[in-house]
Amino acid sequence: MEITDTQRRSFIALACKMAWADGVVVAEERDFVRNLVERFGGCAISESELDQWLESGAPEAALKDLPEGMDQLFIYEAMRLMEVDGEIADSELEQLNQLMGRLFDGHSPKTPIAKIKLGKRQRQ
């Protein structure tokens, strides 16, 4: 899949936002995000910039900024990121729900993930 540096930066920014969702970025989350940068970020973000995003928060980004298919890949990676510290906080689930709610037209940001998936299956 061809992606631009801007799309790579959005992907990593969204990952940083997920890492920050519970208010703390632990070592396991940092390692996970660094791995994402290696896999998807390329040279779109510097090490110092990534450190800054993980220390004080990432710039605005949205799933709709990603190419088709990469948004679903992000959701998968975000779920893995939420699990990496051994605890899925309610604030992490809420952050993912908000991101997905903006992605799927017609769904409120408060629609639970499972309902979005179920609704999508029923329409197919």
PDB file of N, CA and C in Angstrom:
ATOM      1  N   MET A   1       0.855  -1.170   0.000  1.00  0.00           N
ATOM      2  CA  MET A   1       0.000   0.000   0.000  1.00  0.00           C
ATOM      3  C   MET A   1       0.904   1.238   0.000  1.00  0.00           C
ATOM      4  N   GLU A   2       0.697   2.110  -0.928  1.00  0.00           N
ATOM      5  CA  GLU A   2       1.446   3.367  -1.007  1.00  0.00           C
ATOM      6  C   GLU A   2       0.830   4.391  -0.056  1.00  0.00           C
ATOM      7  N   ILE A   3       1.658   4.930   0.811  1.00  0.00           N
ATOM      8  CA  ILE A   3       1.184   5.983   1.710  1.00  0.00           C
ATOM      9  C   ILE A   3       2.185   7.128   1.717  1.00  0.00           C
ATOM     10  N   THR A   4       1.670   8.297   1.941  1.00  0.00           N
ATOM     11  CA  THR A   4       2.503   9.498   1.957  1.00  0.00           C
ATOM     12  C   THR A   4       3.107   9.696   3.340  1.00  0.00           C
ATOM     13  N   ASP A   5       4.091  10.580   3.427  1.00  0.00           N
ATOM     14  CA  ASP A   5       4.661  10.911   4.735  1.00  0.00           C
ATOM     15  C   ASP A   5       3.612  11.529   5.651  1.00  0.00           C
ATOM     16  N   THR A   6       2.717  12.316   5.099  1.00  0.00           N
ATOM     17  CA  THR A   6       1.638  12.915   5.895  1.00  0.00           C
ATOM     18  C   THR A   6       0.748  11.823   6.480  1.00  0.00           C
ATOM     19  N   GLN A   7       0.428  10.814   5.694  1.00  0.00           N
ATOM     20  CA  GLN A   7      -0.393   9.714   6.186  1.00  0.00           C
ATOM     21  C   GLN A   7       0.360   8.895   7.237  1.00  0.00           C
ATOM     22  N   ARG A   8       1.645   8.708   7.032  1.00  0.00           N
ATOM     23  CA  ARG A   8       2.462   8.005   8.027  1.00  0.00           C
ATOM     24  C   ARG A   8       2.461   8.771   9.355  1.00  0.00           C
ATOM     25  N   ARG A   9       2.629  10.081   9.256  1.00  0.00           N
ATOM     26  CA  ARG A   9       2.632  10.913  10.463  1.00  0.00           C
ATOM     27  C   ARG A   9       1.273  10.833  11.175  1.00  0.00           C
ATOM     28  N   SER A  10       0.194  10.834  10.410  1.00  0.00           N
ATOM     29  CA  SER A  10      -1.143  10.714  11.006  1.00  0.00           C
ATOM     30  C   SER A  10      -1.289   9.378  11.728  1.00  0.00           C
ATOM     31  N   PHE A  11      -0.818   8.311  11.113  1.00  0.00           N
ATOM     32  CA  PHE A  11      -0.893   6.974  11.714  1.00  0.00           C
ATOM     33  C   PHE A  11      -0.164   6.957  13.054  1.00  0.00           C
ATOM     34  N   ILE A  12       1.050   7.496  13.079  1.00  0.00           N
ATOM     35  CA  ILE A  12       1.849   7.511  14.301  1.00  0.00           C
ATOM     36  C   ILE A  12       1.237   8.466  15.331  1.00  0.00           C
ATOM     37  N   ALA A  13       0.736   9.608  14.892  1.00  0.00           N
ATOM     38  CA  ALA A  13       0.086  10.551  15.811  1.00  0.00           C
ATOM     39  C   ALA A  13      -1.119   9.895  16.483  1.00  0.00           C
ATOM     40  N   LEU A  14      -1.903   9.162  15.721  1.00  0.00           N
ATOM     41  CA  LEU A  14      -3.061   8.470  16.287  1.00  0.00           C
ATOM     42  C   LEU A  14      -2.612   7.413  17.292  1.00  0.00           C
ATOM     43  N   ALA A  15      -1.539   6.717  16.991  1.00  0.00           N
ATOM     44  CA  ALA A  15      -1.014   5.723  17.934  1.00  0.00           C
ATOM     45  C   ALA A  15      -0.573   6.400  19.235  1.00  0.00           C
ATOM     46  N   CYS A  16       0.077   7.534  19.115  1.00  0.00           N
ATOM     47  CA  CYS A  16       0.495   8.280  20.313  1.00  0.00           C
ATOM     48  C   CYS A  16      -0.721   8.725  21.117  1.00  0.00           C
ATOM     49  N   LYS A  17      -1.777   9.145  20.444  1.00  0.00           N
ATOM     50  CA  LYS A  17      -3.003   9.540  21.148  1.00  0.00           C
ATOM     51  C   LYS A  17      -3.600   8.347  21.906  1.00  0.00           C
ATOM     52  N   MET A  18      -3.556   7.165  21.287  1.00  0.00           N
ATOM     53  CA  MET A  18      -4.054   5.967  21.970  1.00  0.00           C
ATOM     54  C   MET A  18      -3.182   5.652  23.177  1.00  0.00           C
ATOM     55  N   ALA A  19      -1.876   5.787  23.039  1.00  0.00           N
ATOM     56  CA  ALA A  19      -0.978   5.528  24.168  1.00  0.00           C
ATOM     57  C   ALA A  19      -1.274   6.489  25.320  1.00  0.00           C
ATOM     58  N   TRP A  20      -1.666   7.721  24.993  1.00  0.00           N
ATOM     59  CA  TRP A  20      -1.949   8.754  26.000  1.00  0.00           C
ATOM     60  C   TRP A  20      -3.361   8.664  26.566  1.00  0.00           C
ATOM     61  N   ALA A  21      -4.209   7.831  26.003  1.00  0.00           N
ATOM     62  CA  ALA A  21      -5.633   7.844  26.356  1.00  0.00           C
ATOM     63  C   ALA A  21      -5.902   7.664  27.845  1.00  0.00           C
ATOM     64  N   ASP A  22      -5.066   6.892  28.528  1.00  0.00           N
ATOM     65  CA  ASP A  22      -5.294   6.692  29.959  1.00  0.00           C
ATOM     66  C   ASP A  22      -4.477   7.657  30.819  1.00  0.00           C
ATOM     67  N   GLY A  23      -3.813   8.619  30.170  1.00  0.00           N
ATOM     68  CA  GLY A  23      -3.080   9.650  30.894  1.00  0.00           C
ATOM     69  C   GLY A  23      -1.635   9.314  31.218  1.00  0.00           C
ATOM     70  N   VAL A  24      -1.210   8.091  30.914  1.00  0.00           N
ATOM     71  CA  VAL A  24       0.158   7.651  31.194  1.00  0.00           C
ATOM     72  C   VAL A  24       0.657   6.818  30.027  1.00  0.00           C
ATOM     73  N   VAL A  25       1.886   7.085  29.590  1.00  0.00           N
ATOM     74  CA  VAL A  25       2.509   6.275  28.547  1.00  0.00           C
ATOM     75  C   VAL A  25       3.595   5.444  29.224  1.00  0.00           C
ATOM     76  N   VAL A  26       3.339   4.141  29.355  1.00  0.00           N
ATOM     77  CA  VAL A  26       4.294   3.254  30.022  1.00  0.00           C
ATOM     78  C   VAL A  26       5.312   2.737  29.009  1.00  0.00           C
ATOM     79  N   ALA A  27       6.376   2.124  29.513  1.00  0.00           N
ATOM     80  CA  ALA A  27       7.474   1.648  28.671  1.00  0.00           C
ATOM     81  C   ALA A  27       6.993   0.693  27.576  1.00  0.00           C
ATOM     82  N   GLU A  28       6.057  -0.190  27.896  1.00  0.00           N
ATOM     83  CA  GLU A  28       5.554  -1.139  26.900  1.00  0.00           C
ATOM     84  C   GLU A  28       4.839  -0.415  25.760  1.00  0.00           C
ATOM     85  N   GLU A  29       4.111   0.640  26.098  1.00  0.00           N
ATOM     86  CA  GLU A  29       3.424   1.415  25.057  1.00  0.00           C
ATOM     87  C   GLU A  29       4.428   2.174  24.202  1.00  0.00           C
ATOM     88  N   ARG A  30       5.460   2.724  24.828  1.00  0.00           N
ATOM     89  CA  ARG A  30       6.520   3.418  24.079  1.00  0.00           C
ATOM     90  C   ARG A  30       7.174   2.456  23.091  1.00  0.00           C
ATOM     91  N   ASP A  31       7.503   1.263  23.563  1.00  0.00           N
ATOM     92  CA  ASP A  31       8.137   0.268  22.695  1.00  0.00           C
ATOM     93  C   ASP A  31       7.222  -0.121  21.541  1.00  0.00           C
ATOM     94  N   PHE A  32       5.933  -0.265  21.843  1.00  0.00           N
ATOM     95  CA  PHE A  32       4.971  -0.625  20.803  1.00  0.00           C
ATOM     96  C   PHE A  32       4.905   0.460  19.733  1.00  0.00           C
ATOM     97  N   VAL A  33       4.812   1.721  20.172  1.00  0.00           N
ATOM     98  CA  VAL A  33       4.732   2.835  19.219  1.00  0.00           C
ATOM     99  C   VAL A  33       6.028   2.936  18.408  1.00  0.00           C
ATOM    100  N   ARG A  34       7.165   2.746  19.048  1.00  0.00           N
ATOM    101  CA  ARG A  34       8.448   2.773  18.323  1.00  0.00           C
ATOM    102  C   ARG A  34       8.484   1.681  17.253  1.00  0.00           C
ATOM    103  N   ASN A  35       7.932   0.522  17.578  1.00  0.00           N
ATOM    104  CA  ASN A  35       7.846  -0.562  16.600  1.00  0.00           C
ATOM    105  C   ASN A  35       6.945  -0.172  15.432  1.00  0.00           C
ATOM    106  N   LEU A  36       5.840   0.512  15.724  1.00  0.00           N
ATOM    107  CA  LEU A  36       4.959   0.994  14.655  1.00  0.00           C
ATOM    108  C   LEU A  36       5.699   1.972  13.741  1.00  0.00           C
ATOM    109  N   VAL A  37       6.509   2.838  14.336  1.00  0.00           N
ATOM    110  CA  VAL A  37       7.286   3.789  13.534  1.00  0.00           C
ATOM    111  C   VAL A  37       8.223   3.031  12.603  1.00  0.00           C
ATOM    112  N   GLU A  38       8.875   2.020  13.114  1.00  0.00           N
ATOM    113  CA  GLU A  38       9.772   1.223  12.274  1.00  0.00           C
ATOM    114  C   GLU A  38       9.012   0.554  11.138  1.00  0.00           C
ATOM    115  N   ARG A  39       7.816   0.042  11.444  1.00  0.00           N
ATOM    116  CA  ARG A  39       7.029  -0.672  10.427  1.00  0.00           C
ATOM    117  C   ARG A  39       6.321   0.251   9.448  1.00  0.00           C
ATOM    118  N   PHE A  40       5.796   1.386   9.943  1.00  0.00           N
ATOM    119  CA  PHE A  40       4.954   2.231   9.098  1.00  0.00           C
ATOM    120  C   PHE A  40       5.447   3.662   8.944  1.00  0.00           C
ATOM    121  N   GLY A  41       6.275   4.112   9.859  1.00  0.00           N
ATOM    122  CA  GLY A  41       6.634   5.523   9.887  1.00  0.00           C
ATOM    123  C   GLY A  41       7.726   5.923   8.925  1.00  0.00           C
ATOM    124  N   GLY A  42       8.634   4.981   8.653  1.00  0.00           N
ATOM    125  CA  GLY A  42       9.747   5.345   7.796  1.00  0.00           C
ATOM    126  C   GLY A  42      10.453   6.566   8.351  1.00  0.00           C
ATOM    127  N   CYS A  43      10.812   7.481   7.490  1.00  0.00           N
ATOM    128  CA  CYS A  43      11.510   8.694   7.933  1.00  0.00           C
ATOM    129  C   CYS A  43      10.541   9.859   8.124  1.00  0.00           C
ATOM    130  N   ALA A  44       9.245   9.579   8.230  1.00  0.00           N
ATOM    131  CA  ALA A  44       8.241  10.639   8.350  1.00  0.00           C
ATOM    132  C   ALA A  44       8.287  11.351   9.698  1.00  0.00           C
ATOM    133  N   ILE A  45       8.928  10.729  10.679  1.00  0.00           N
ATOM    134  CA  ILE A  45       9.003  11.323  12.016  1.00  0.00           C
ATOM    135  C   ILE A  45      10.376  11.014  12.615  1.00  0.00           C
ATOM    136  N   SER A  46      10.959  12.010  13.242  1.00  0.00           N
ATOM    137  CA  SER A  46      12.278  11.824  13.852  1.00  0.00           C
ATOM    138  C   SER A  46      12.121  11.217  15.245  1.00  0.00           C
ATOM    139  N   GLU A  47      13.203  10.670  15.747  1.00  0.00           N
ATOM    140  CA  GLU A  47      13.214  10.090  17.090  1.00  0.00           C
ATOM    141  C   GLU A  47      12.862  11.141  18.145  1.00  0.00           C
ATOM    142  N   SER A  48      13.424  12.337  18.002  1.00  0.00           N
ATOM    143  CA  SER A  48      13.144  13.392  18.992  1.00  0.00           C
ATOM    144  C   SER A  48      11.689  13.855  18.915  1.00  0.00           C
ATOM    145  N   GLU A  49      11.152  13.919  17.710  1.00  0.00           N
ATOM    146  CA  GLU A  49       9.747  14.310  17.565  1.00  0.00           C
ATOM    147  C   GLU A  49       8.833  13.255  18.180  1.00  0.00           C
ATOM    148  N   LEU A  50       9.150  11.988  17.949  1.00  0.00           N
ATOM    149  CA  LEU A  50       8.359  10.910  18.547  1.00  0.00           C
ATOM    150  C   LEU A  50       8.424  10.992  20.070  1.00  0.00           C
ATOM    151  N   ASP A  51       9.608  11.215  20.601  1.00  0.00           N
ATOM    152  CA  ASP A  51       9.745  11.361  22.048  1.00  0.00           C
ATOM    153  C   ASP A  51       8.862  12.491  22.566  1.00  0.00           C
ATOM    154  N   GLN A  52       8.840  13.600  21.844  1.00  0.00           N
ATOM    155  CA  GLN A  52       8.010  14.740  22.240  1.00  0.00           C
ATOM    156  C   GLN A  52       6.533  14.355  22.218  1.00  0.00           C
ATOM    157  N   TRP A  53       6.097  13.661  21.176  1.00  0.00           N
ATOM    158  CA  TRP A  53       4.695  13.247  21.080  1.00  0.00           C
ATOM    159  C   TRP A  53       4.321  12.306  22.218  1.00  0.00           C
ATOM    160  N   LEU A  54       5.262  11.442  22.616  1.00  0.00           N
ATOM    161  CA  LEU A  54       4.987  10.500  23.695  1.00  0.00           C
ATOM    162  C   LEU A  54       5.075  11.159  25.071  1.00  0.00           C
ATOM    163  N   GLU A  55       5.804  12.260  25.161  1.00  0.00           N
ATOM    164  CA  GLU A  55       5.929  12.981  26.425  1.00  0.00           C
ATOM    165  C   GLU A  55       4.788  13.966  26.661  1.00  0.00           C
ATOM    166  N   SER A  56       4.389  14.690  25.604  1.00  0.00           N
ATOM    167  CA  SER A  56       3.427  15.766  25.817  1.00  0.00           C
ATOM    168  C   SER A  56       2.188  15.704  24.915  1.00  0.00           C
ATOM    169  N   GLY A  57       2.088  14.695  24.092  1.00  0.00           N
ATOM    170  CA  GLY A  57       0.913  14.551  23.232  1.00  0.00           C
ATOM    171  C   GLY A  57       1.225  14.813  21.775  1.00  0.00           C
ATOM    172  N   ALA A  58       0.460  14.203  20.913  1.00  0.00           N
ATOM    173  CA  ALA A  58       0.662  14.276  19.461  1.00  0.00           C
ATOM    174  C   ALA A  58      -0.240  15.339  18.844  1.00  0.00           C
ATOM    175  N   PRO A  59       0.106  15.782  17.632  1.00  0.00           N
ATOM    176  CA  PRO A  59      -0.763  16.747  16.935  1.00  0.00           C
ATOM    177  C   PRO A  59      -2.071  16.090  16.509  1.00  0.00           C
ATOM    178  N   GLU A  60      -3.011  16.908  16.120  1.00  0.00           N
ATOM    179  CA  GLU A  60      -4.307  16.407  15.672  1.00  0.00           C
ATOM    180  C   GLU A  60      -4.145  15.498  14.452  1.00  0.00           C
ATOM    181  N   ALA A  61      -4.917  14.441  14.440  1.00  0.00           N
ATOM    182  CA  ALA A  61      -4.953  13.504  13.322  1.00  0.00           C
ATOM    183  C   ALA A  61      -6.279  12.765  13.413  1.00  0.00           C
ATOM    184  N   ALA A  62      -6.724  12.217  12.288  1.00  0.00           N
ATOM    185  CA  ALA A  62      -7.994  11.496  12.259  1.00  0.00           C
ATOM    186  C   ALA A  62      -7.862  10.270  11.372  1.00  0.00           C
ATOM    187  N   LEU A  63      -8.647   9.244  11.680  1.00  0.00           N
ATOM    188  CA  LEU A  63      -8.608   8.035  10.864  1.00  0.00           C
ATOM    189  C   LEU A  63      -8.947   8.323   9.405  1.00  0.00           C
ATOM    190  N   LYS A  64      -9.789   9.322   9.181  1.00  0.00           N
ATOM    191  CA  LYS A  64     -10.162   9.649   7.806  1.00  0.00           C
ATOM    192  C   LYS A  64      -8.981  10.186   7.003  1.00  0.00           C
ATOM    193  N   ASP A  65      -7.897  10.568   7.688  1.00  0.00           N
ATOM    194  CA  ASP A  65      -6.690  11.037   7.003  1.00  0.00           C
ATOM    195  C   ASP A  65      -5.890   9.888   6.407  1.00  0.00           C
ATOM    196  N   LEU A  66      -6.215   8.653   6.800  1.00  0.00           N
ATOM    197  CA  LEU A  66      -5.476   7.486   6.329  1.00  0.00           C
ATOM    198  C   LEU A  66      -6.108   6.926   5.063  1.00  0.00           C
ATOM    199  N   PRO A  67      -5.308   6.287   4.214  1.00  0.00           N
ATOM    200  CA  PRO A  67      -5.878   5.689   3.009  1.00  0.00           C
ATOM    201  C   PRO A  67      -6.795   4.516   3.366  1.00  0.00           C
ATOM    202  N   GLU A  68      -7.693   4.194   2.449  1.00  0.00           N
ATOM    203  CA  GLU A  68      -8.627   3.095   2.667  1.00  0.00           C
ATOM    204  C   GLU A  68      -7.849   1.824   2.992  1.00  0.00           C
ATOM    205  N   GLY A  69      -8.295   1.123   3.988  1.00  0.00           N
ATOM    206  CA  GLY A  69      -7.629  -0.098   4.421  1.00  0.00           C
ATOM    207  C   GLY A  69      -6.663   0.152   5.565  1.00  0.00           C
ATOM    208  N   MET A  70      -5.973   1.262   5.529  1.00  0.00           N
ATOM    209  CA  MET A  70      -5.039   1.559   6.605  1.00  0.00           C
ATOM    210  C   MET A  70      -5.783   1.979   7.870  1.00  0.00           C
ATOM    211  N   ASP A  71      -6.992   2.525   7.717  1.00  0.00           N
ATOM    212  CA  ASP A  71      -7.797   2.868   8.881  1.00  0.00           C
ATOM    213  C   ASP A  71      -8.142   1.614   9.676  1.00  0.00           C
ATOM    214  N   GLN A  72      -8.484   0.538   8.988  1.00  0.00           N
ATOM    215  CA  GLN A  72      -8.797  -0.710   9.672  1.00  0.00           C
ATOM    216  C   GLN A  72      -7.541  -1.314  10.298  1.00  0.00           C
ATOM    217  N   LEU A  73      -6.412  -1.188   9.616  1.00  0.00           N
ATOM    218  CA  LEU A  73      -5.144  -1.642  10.174  1.00  0.00           C
ATOM    219  C   LEU A  73      -4.837  -0.871  11.454  1.00  0.00           C
ATOM    220  N   PHE A  74      -5.106   0.432  11.444  1.00  0.00           N
ATOM    221  CA  PHE A  74      -4.873   1.219  12.653  1.00  0.00           C
ATOM    222  C   PHE A  74      -5.730   0.714  13.807  1.00  0.00           C
ATOM    223  N   ILE A  75      -6.989   0.424  13.547  1.00  0.00           N
ATOM    224  CA  ILE A  75      -7.884  -0.055  14.602  1.00  0.00           C
ATOM    225  C   ILE A  75      -7.324  -1.341  15.209  1.00  0.00           C
ATOM    226  N   TYR A  76      -6.836  -2.234  14.365  1.00  0.00           N
ATOM    227  CA  TYR A  76      -6.213  -3.470  14.845  1.00  0.00           C
ATOM    228  C   TYR A  76      -5.013  -3.146  15.730  1.00  0.00           C
ATOM    229  N   GLU A  77      -4.130  -2.280  15.243  1.00  0.00           N
ATOM    230  CA  GLU A  77      -2.930  -1.926  16.003  1.00  0.00           C
ATOM    231  C   GLU A  77      -3.292  -1.198  17.298  1.00  0.00           C
ATOM    232  N   ALA A  78      -4.325  -0.375  17.273  1.00  0.00           N
ATOM    233  CA  ALA A  78      -4.767   0.342  18.471  1.00  0.00           C
ATOM    234  C   ALA A  78      -5.263  -0.634  19.532  1.00  0.00           C
ATOM    235  N   MET A  79      -5.973  -1.663  19.112  1.00  0.00           N
ATOM    236  CA  MET A  79      -6.448  -2.676  20.058  1.00  0.00           C
ATOM    237  C   MET A  79      -5.253  -3.390  20.681  1.00  0.00           C
ATOM    238  N   ARG A  80      -4.262  -3.709  19.895  1.00  0.00           N
ATOM    239  CA  ARG A  80      -3.043  -4.352  20.414  1.00  0.00           C
ATOM    240  C   ARG A  80      -2.313  -3.408  21.371  1.00  0.00           C
ATOM    241  N   LEU A  81      -2.254  -2.126  21.025  1.00  0.00           N
ATOM    242  CA  LEU A  81      -1.598  -1.137  21.873  1.00  0.00           C
ATOM    243  C   LEU A  81      -2.299  -1.025  23.228  1.00  0.00           C
ATOM    244  N   MET A  82      -3.632  -1.069  23.221  1.00  0.00           N
ATOM    245  CA  MET A  82      -4.384  -0.984  24.476  1.00  0.00           C
ATOM    246  C   MET A  82      -4.066  -2.162  25.388  1.00  0.00           C
ATOM    247  N   GLU A  83      -3.766  -3.308  24.814  1.00  0.00           N
ATOM    248  CA  GLU A  83      -3.523  -4.521  25.604  1.00  0.00           C
ATOM    249  C   GLU A  83      -2.088  -4.647  26.117  1.00  0.00           C
ATOM    250  N   VAL A  84      -1.165  -3.898  25.538  1.00  0.00           N
ATOM    251  CA  VAL A  84       0.259  -4.124  25.782  1.00  0.00           C
ATOM    252  C   VAL A  84       0.673  -3.936  27.241  1.00  0.00           C
ATOM    253  N   ASP A  85      -0.009  -3.092  27.984  1.00  0.00           N
ATOM    254  CA  ASP A  85       0.373  -2.884  29.381  1.00  0.00           C
ATOM    255  C   ASP A  85      -0.399  -3.802  30.336  1.00  0.00           C
ATOM    256  N   GLY A  86      -1.170  -4.723  29.781  1.00  0.00           N
ATOM    257  CA  GLY A  86      -1.884  -5.694  30.595  1.00  0.00           C
ATOM    258  C   GLY A  86      -3.216  -5.232  31.130  1.00  0.00           C
ATOM    259  N   GLU A  87      -3.616  -4.008  30.799  1.00  0.00           N
ATOM    260  CA  GLU A  87      -4.880  -3.465  31.302  1.00  0.00           C
ATOM    261  C   GLU A  87      -5.493  -2.560  30.232  1.00  0.00           C
ATOM    262  N   ILE A  88      -6.759  -2.774  29.943  1.00  0.00           N
ATOM    263  CA  ILE A  88      -7.455  -1.900  29.004  1.00  0.00           C
ATOM    264  C   ILE A  88      -8.318  -0.948  29.829  1.00  0.00           C
ATOM    265  N   ALA A  89      -7.922   0.300  29.842  1.00  0.00           N
ATOM    266  CA  ALA A  89      -8.641   1.316  30.618  1.00  0.00           C
ATOM    267  C   ALA A  89      -9.890   1.771  29.877  1.00  0.00           C
ATOM    268  N   ASP A  90     -10.898   2.177  30.636  1.00  0.00           N
ATOM    269  CA  ASP A  90     -12.122   2.702  30.028  1.00  0.00           C
ATOM    270  C   ASP A  90     -11.814   3.894  29.128  1.00  0.00           C
ATOM    271  N   SER A  91     -10.849   4.723  29.527  1.00  0.00           N
ATOM    272  CA  SER A  91     -10.500   5.899  28.722  1.00  0.00           C
ATOM    273  C   SER A  91      -9.892   5.495  27.376  1.00  0.00           C
ATOM    274  N   GLU A  92      -9.193   4.361  27.344  1.00  0.00           N
ATOM    275  CA  GLU A  92      -8.646   3.870  26.071  1.00  0.00           C
ATOM    276  C   GLU A  92      -9.766   3.405  25.155  1.00  0.00           C
ATOM    277  N   LEU A  93     -10.721   2.678  25.722  1.00  0.00           N
ATOM    278  CA  LEU A  93     -11.876   2.247  24.921  1.00  0.00           C
ATOM    279  C   LEU A  93     -12.665   3.444  24.408  1.00  0.00           C
ATOM    280  N   GLU A  94     -12.825   4.447  25.257  1.00  0.00           N
ATOM    281  CA  GLU A  94     -13.548   5.654  24.852  1.00  0.00           C
ATOM    282  C   GLU A  94     -12.822   6.364  23.707  1.00  0.00           C
ATOM    283  N   GLN A  95     -11.480   6.463  23.814  1.00  0.00           N
ATOM    284  CA  GLN A  95     -10.695   7.099  22.746  1.00  0.00           C
ATOM    285  C   GLN A  95     -10.884   6.361  21.429  1.00  0.00           C
ATOM    286  N   LEU A  96     -10.816   5.034  21.466  1.00  0.00           N
ATOM    287  CA  LEU A  96     -10.994   4.248  20.243  1.00  0.00           C
ATOM    288  C   LEU A  96     -12.416   4.391  19.709  1.00  0.00           C
ATOM    289  N   ASN A  97     -13.399   4.391  20.603  1.00  0.00           N
ATOM    290  CA  ASN A  97     -14.794   4.600  20.183  1.00  0.00           C
ATOM    291  C   ASN A  97     -14.953   5.946  19.484  1.00  0.00           C
ATOM    292  N   GLN A  98     -14.330   6.989  20.018  1.00  0.00           N
ATOM    293  CA  GLN A  98     -14.434   8.308  19.401  1.00  0.00           C
ATOM    294  C   GLN A  98     -13.787   8.318  18.020  1.00  0.00           C
ATOM    295  N   LEU A  99     -12.617   7.728  17.900  1.00  0.00           N
ATOM    296  CA  LEU A  99     -11.948   7.664  16.592  1.00  0.00           C
ATOM    297  C   LEU A  99     -12.793   6.900  15.583  1.00  0.00           C
ATOM    298  N   MET A 100     -13.338   5.774  16.011  1.00  0.00           N
ATOM    299  CA  MET A 100     -14.150   4.963  15.107  1.00  0.00           C
ATOM    300  C   MET A 100     -15.472   5.632  14.792  1.00  0.00           C
ATOM    301  N   GLY A 101     -16.042   6.320  15.774  1.00  0.00           N
ATOM    302  CA  GLY A 101     -17.306   7.011  15.548  1.00  0.00           C
ATOM    303  C   GLY A 101     -17.184   8.060  14.468  1.00  0.00           C
ATOM    304  N   ARG A 102     -16.019   8.702  14.396  1.00  0.00           N
ATOM    305  CA  ARG A 102     -15.793   9.703  13.344  1.00  0.00           C
ATOM    306  C   ARG A 102     -15.548   9.048  11.997  1.00  0.00           C
ATOM    307  N   LEU A 103     -15.033   7.831  12.034  1.00  0.00           N
ATOM    308  CA  LEU A 103     -14.715   7.119  10.794  1.00  0.00           C
ATOM    309  C   LEU A 103     -15.971   6.606  10.106  1.00  0.00           C
ATOM    310  N   PHE A 104     -16.870   5.997  10.890  1.00  0.00           N
ATOM    311  CA  PHE A 104     -18.056   5.396  10.314  1.00  0.00           C
ATOM    312  C   PHE A 104     -19.195   6.406  10.309  1.00  0.00           C
ATOM    313  N   ASP A 105     -19.543   6.902   9.136  1.00  0.00           N
ATOM    314  CA  ASP A 105     -20.606   7.898   9.011  1.00  0.00           C
ATOM    315  C   ASP A 105     -21.899   7.371   9.608  1.00  0.00           C
ATOM    316  N   GLY A 106     -22.600   8.258  10.247  1.00  0.00           N
ATOM    317  CA  GLY A 106     -23.903   7.900  10.796  1.00  0.00           C
ATOM    318  C   GLY A 106     -23.842   7.307  12.187  1.00  0.00           C
ATOM    319  N   HIS A 107     -22.660   7.151  12.738  1.00  0.00           N
ATOM    320  CA  HIS A 107     -22.536   6.614  14.089  1.00  0.00           C
ATOM    321  C   HIS A 107     -22.063   7.714  15.021  1.00  0.00           C
ATOM    322  N   SER A 108     -22.685   7.762  16.155  1.00  0.00           N
ATOM    323  CA  SER A 108     -22.273   8.706  17.184  1.00  0.00           C
ATOM    324  C   SER A 108     -20.919   8.285  17.748  1.00  0.00           C
ATOM    325  N   PRO A 109     -20.086   9.244  18.162  1.00  0.00           N
ATOM    326  CA  PRO A 109     -18.832   8.881  18.820  1.00  0.00           C
ATOM    327  C   PRO A 109     -19.032   8.049  20.087  1.00  0.00           C
ATOM    328  N   LYS A 110     -20.263   8.015  20.598  1.00  0.00           N
ATOM    329  CA  LYS A 110     -20.537   7.236  21.809  1.00  0.00           C
ATOM    330  C   LYS A 110     -21.043   5.828  21.485  1.00  0.00           C
ATOM    331  N   THR A 111     -21.148   5.470  20.207  1.00  0.00           N
ATOM    332  CA  THR A 111     -21.579   4.133  19.827  1.00  0.00           C
ATOM    333  C   THR A 111     -20.471   3.145  20.148  1.00  0.00           C
ATOM    334  N   PRO A 112     -20.762   2.111  20.944  1.00  0.00           N
ATOM    335  CA  PRO A 112     -19.723   1.140  21.281  1.00  0.00           C
ATOM    336  C   PRO A 112     -19.166   0.435  20.050  1.00  0.00           C
ATOM    337  N   ILE A 113     -17.906   0.052  20.121  1.00  0.00           N
ATOM    338  CA  ILE A 113     -17.227  -0.608  19.005  1.00  0.00           C
ATOM    339  C   ILE A 113     -18.008  -1.818  18.524  1.00  0.00           C
ATOM    340  N   ALA A 114     -18.475  -2.653  19.435  1.00  0.00           N
ATOM    341  CA  ALA A 114     -19.182  -3.865  19.040  1.00  0.00           C
ATOM    342  C   ALA A 114     -20.424  -3.549  18.223  1.00  0.00           C
ATOM    343  N   LYS A 115     -21.155  -2.493  18.572  1.00  0.00           N
ATOM    344  CA  LYS A 115     -22.351  -2.130  17.814  1.00  0.00           C
ATOM    345  C   LYS A 115     -21.988  -1.644  16.414  1.00  0.00           C
ATOM    346  N   ILE A 116     -20.899  -0.935  16.288  1.00  0.00           N
ATOM    347  CA  ILE A 116     -20.465  -0.480  14.966  1.00  0.00           C
ATOM    348  C   ILE A 116     -20.131  -1.676  14.099  1.00  0.00           C
ATOM    349  N   LYS A 117     -19.382  -2.622  14.633  1.00  0.00           N
ATOM    350  CA  LYS A 117     -19.020  -3.817  13.876  1.00  0.00           C
ATOM    351  C   LYS A 117     -20.252  -4.610  13.492  1.00  0.00           C
ATOM    352  N   LEU A 118     -21.169  -4.789  14.444  1.00  0.00           N
ATOM    353  CA  LEU A 118     -22.387  -5.528  14.176  1.00  0.00           C
ATOM    354  C   LEU A 118     -23.211  -4.831  13.104  1.00  0.00           C
ATOM    355  N   GLY A 119     -23.380  -3.521  13.206  1.00  0.00           N
ATOM    356  CA  GLY A 119     -24.131  -2.771  12.210  1.00  0.00           C
ATOM    357  C   GLY A 119     -23.503  -2.875  10.834  1.00  0.00           C
ATOM    358  N   LYS A 120     -22.216  -2.866  10.760  1.00  0.00           N
ATOM    359  CA  LYS A 120     -21.513  -2.976   9.489  1.00  0.00           C
ATOM    360  C   LYS A 120     -21.755  -4.353   8.871  1.00  0.00           C
ATOM    361  N   ARG A 121     -21.727  -5.407   9.703  1.00  0.00           N
ATOM    362  CA  ARG A 121     -21.965  -6.747   9.191  1.00  0.00           C
ATOM    363  C   ARG A 121     -23.392  -6.893   8.657  1.00  0.00           C
ATOM    364  N   GLN A 122     -24.354  -6.316   9.368  1.00  0.00           N
ATOM    365  CA  GLN A 122     -25.756  -6.457   8.980  1.00  0.00           C
ATOM    366  C   GLN A 122     -26.035  -5.773   7.644  1.00  0.00           C
ATOM    367  N   ARG A 123     -25.279  -4.715   7.308  1.00  0.00           N
ATOM    368  CA  ARG A 123     -25.488  -4.006   6.048  1.00  0.00           C
ATOM    369  C   ARG A 123     -24.900  -4.740   4.860  1.00  0.00           C
ATOM    370  N   GLN A 124     -23.963  -5.646   5.115  1.00  0.00           N
ATOM    371  CA  GLN A 124     -23.288  -6.355   4.011  1.00  0.00           C
ATOM    372  C   GLN A 124     -24.137  -7.411   3.398  1.00  0.00           C
TER     373      GLN A 124
END
